[in-house]
C-alpha atoms as a PDB file:
ATOM      1  CA  MET A   1      29.023  17.397  -8.727  1.00  0.00           C
ATOM      2  CA  ASN A   2      29.948  14.393  -6.428  1.00  0.00           C
ATOM      3  CA  ILE A   3      27.302  15.405  -3.957  1.00  0.00           C
ATOM      4  CA  LYS A   4      24.842  15.718  -6.777  1.00  0.00           C
ATOM      5  CA  MET A   5      25.632  12.120  -7.866  1.00  0.00           C
ATOM      6  CA  PHE A   6      25.620  11.039  -4.435  1.00  0.00           C
ATOM      7  CA  THR A   7      22.182  12.469  -3.504  1.00  0.00           C
ATOM      8  CA  MET A   8      20.775  10.824  -6.847  1.00  0.00           C
ATOM      9  CA  GLY A   9      21.880   7.656  -6.144  1.00  0.00           C
ATOM     10  CA  ALA A  10      20.640   7.782  -2.606  1.00  0.00           C
ATOM     11  CA  LEU A  11      17.148   9.038  -4.021  1.00  0.00           C
ATOM     12  CA  THR A  12      17.294   5.975  -6.344  1.00  0.00           C
ATOM     13  CA  VAL A  13      17.946   3.485  -3.931  1.00  0.00           C
ATOM     14  CA  ALA A  14      15.428   4.973  -1.354  1.00  0.00           C
ATOM     15  CA  MET A  15      12.451   4.954  -4.077  1.00  0.00           C
ATOM     16  CA  MET A  16      13.247   1.530  -5.341  1.00  0.00           C
ATOM     17  CA  SER A  17      13.310   0.019  -1.746  1.00  0.00           C
ATOM     18  CA  GLY A  18      10.211   1.636  -0.751  1.00  0.00           C
ATOM     19  CA  ALA A  19       8.655   0.233  -4.272  1.00  0.00           C
ATOM     20  CA  ALA A  20       9.712  -2.958  -3.276  1.00  0.00           C
ATOM     21  CA  MET A  21       8.125  -3.141   0.255  1.00  0.00           C
ATOM     22  CA  ALA A  22       4.980  -1.871  -0.989  1.00  0.00           C
ATOM     23  CA  GLY A  23       4.770  -4.867  -3.214  1.00  0.00           C
ATOM     24  CA  SER A  24       5.496  -7.302  -0.574  1.00  0.00           C
ATOM     25  CA  THR A  25       2.234  -6.558   1.491  1.00  0.00           C
ATOM     26  CA  SER A  26      -0.176  -9.233   1.942  1.00  0.00           C
ATOM     27  CA  ALA A  27      -4.094  -8.910   2.304  1.00  0.00           C
ATOM     28  CA  LEU A  28      -3.700 -11.197   5.373  1.00  0.00           C
ATOM     29  CA  ASP A  29      -1.730  -8.636   7.017  1.00  0.00           C
ATOM     30  CA  ASP A  30      -4.354  -5.866   6.760  1.00  0.00           C
ATOM     31  CA  PRO A  31      -6.084  -5.250   9.892  1.00  0.00           C
ATOM     32  CA  ALA A  32      -9.043  -3.536   8.110  1.00  0.00           C
ATOM     33  CA  LYS A  33      -9.710  -6.521   6.063  1.00  0.00           C
ATOM     34  CA  MET A  34      -9.046  -8.972   8.450  1.00  0.00           C
ATOM     35  CA  SER A  35     -10.530  -7.855  11.797  1.00  0.00           C
ATOM     36  CA  PRO A  36     -14.277  -9.108  10.905  1.00  0.00           C
ATOM     37  CA  PHE A  37     -13.256 -12.327  10.685  1.00  0.00           C
ATOM     38  CA  PHE A  38     -11.850 -12.291  14.310  1.00  0.00           C
ATOM     39  CA  THR A  39     -13.135 -11.980  17.789  1.00  0.00           C
ATOM     40  CA  ASP A  40     -10.492 -10.495  19.661  1.00  0.00           C
ATOM     41  CA  ALA A  41      -8.410  -7.432  18.808  1.00  0.00           C
ATOM     42  CA  GLY A  42      -4.993  -9.155  18.654  1.00  0.00           C
ATOM     43  CA  MET A  43      -6.783 -11.197  15.659  1.00  0.00           C
ATOM     44  CA  LYS A  44      -5.827 -14.405  17.474  1.00  0.00           C
ATOM     45  CA  THR A  45      -9.481 -15.967  17.649  1.00  0.00           C
ATOM     46  CA  LEU A  46     -11.434 -16.903  14.673  1.00  0.00           C
ATOM     47  CA  ARG A  47     -15.231 -16.151  14.664  1.00  0.00           C
ATOM     48  CA  SER A  48     -17.919 -18.952  14.163  1.00  0.00           C
ATOM     49  CA  GLU A  49     -18.036 -20.723  11.040  1.00  0.00           C
ATOM     50  CA  ALA A  50     -21.425 -18.701  10.331  1.00  0.00           C
ATOM     51  CA  ASP A  51     -20.105 -15.444  11.060  1.00  0.00           C
ATOM     52  CA  PHE A  52     -16.623 -16.094   9.112  1.00  0.00           C
ATOM     53  CA  LYS A  53     -19.145 -16.759   6.134  1.00  0.00           C
ATOM     54  CA  THR A  54     -20.862 -13.737   6.592  1.00  0.00           C
ATOM     55  CA  ALA A  55     -17.949 -11.822   6.638  1.00  0.00           C
ATOM     56  CA  TRP A  56     -16.279 -13.860   3.826  1.00  0.00           C
ATOM     57  CA  MET A  57     -19.425 -12.935   1.590  1.00  0.00           C
ATOM     58  CA  ALA A  58     -19.343  -9.067   2.434  1.00  0.00           C
ATOM     59  CA  MET A  59     -15.683  -9.097   0.844  1.00  0.00           C
ATOM     60  CA  LYS A  60     -15.658  -7.980  -3.132  1.00  0.00           C
ATOM     61  CA  PRO A  61     -14.798 -10.926  -5.076  1.00  0.00           C
ATOM     62  CA  ASP A  62     -11.266  -9.192  -5.895  1.00  0.00           C
ATOM     63  CA  GLU A  63     -10.566  -9.151  -2.306  1.00  0.00           C
ATOM     64  CA  ARG A  64     -11.557 -12.678  -1.538  1.00  0.00           C
ATOM     65  CA  THR A  65      -9.315 -13.819  -4.585  1.00  0.00           C
ATOM     66  CA  ALA A  66      -6.372 -11.914  -3.364  1.00  0.00           C
ATOM     67  CA  VAL A  67      -6.851 -13.566   0.088  1.00  0.00           C
ATOM     68  CA  LEU A  68      -6.616 -17.102  -1.259  1.00  0.00           C
ATOM     69  CA  LYS A  69      -3.898 -16.341  -3.863  1.00  0.00           C
ATOM     70  CA  ASP A  70      -2.124 -15.230  -0.495  1.00  0.00           C
ATOM     71  CA  CYS A  71      -3.083 -18.280   1.485  1.00  0.00           C
ATOM     72  CA  GLY A  72      -1.734 -20.123  -1.416  1.00  0.00           C
ATOM     73  CA  ASP A  73       1.719 -19.119  -0.746  1.00  0.00           C
ATOM     74  CA  THR A  74       3.433 -21.527   1.999  1.00  0.00           C
ATOM     75  CA  THR A  75       5.326 -18.538   3.703  1.00  0.00           C
ATOM     76  CA  LEU A  76       2.055 -16.618   4.206  1.00  0.00           C
ATOM     77  CA  ASN A  77      -0.174 -19.648   5.108  1.00  0.00           C
ATOM     78  CA  LYS A  78       1.902 -20.467   7.956  1.00  0.00           C
ATOM     79  CA  ALA A  79       1.210 -17.421   9.857  1.00  0.00           C
ATOM     80  CA  HIS A  80      -2.186 -17.625   9.090  1.00  0.00           C
ATOM     81  CA  ALA A  81      -2.976 -21.461   8.868  1.00  0.00           C
ATOM     82  CA  ASP A  82      -6.461 -21.340  10.661  1.00  0.00           C
ATOM     83  CA  PHE A  83      -7.448 -18.337   8.780  1.00  0.00           C
ATOM     84  CA  CYS A  84      -6.543 -19.975   5.314  1.00  0.00           C
ATOM     85  CA  ALA A  85      -8.195 -23.222   5.977  1.00  0.00           C
ATOM     86  CA  MET A  86     -11.713 -21.332   6.626  1.00  0.00           C
ATOM     87  CA  ALA A  87     -10.635 -18.996   3.700  1.00  0.00           C
ATOM     88  CA  LYS A  88     -10.448 -22.020   1.559  1.00  0.00           C
ATOM     89  CA  LYS A  89     -13.226 -23.757   2.914  1.00  0.00           C
ATOM     90  CA  MET A  90     -15.532 -20.911   2.116  1.00  0.00           C
ATOM     91  CA  GLY A  91     -14.183 -20.134  -1.403  1.00  0.00           C
ATOM     92  CA  GLY A  92     -11.772 -22.430  -2.510  1.00  0.00           C
END
């Protein structure tokens, strides 16, 4: 009986932790969404303003909204300051 209770408790904690981690992802950390905005694989150098705008307009409106929301978060903005400044210029 104790082993069953321990196993169920461990599974519950694992599932709750996984859900918490999944909820903390940011559009700004998604390489598939972010790579069109950068010239390099390391995503350090932004494209020109014209190319950035092209990539920005290619995104779905709800994706742009999510990105702007994430850019409004001060912690996320610090890590992506240049990108967020350009994104706000395009759509904010």
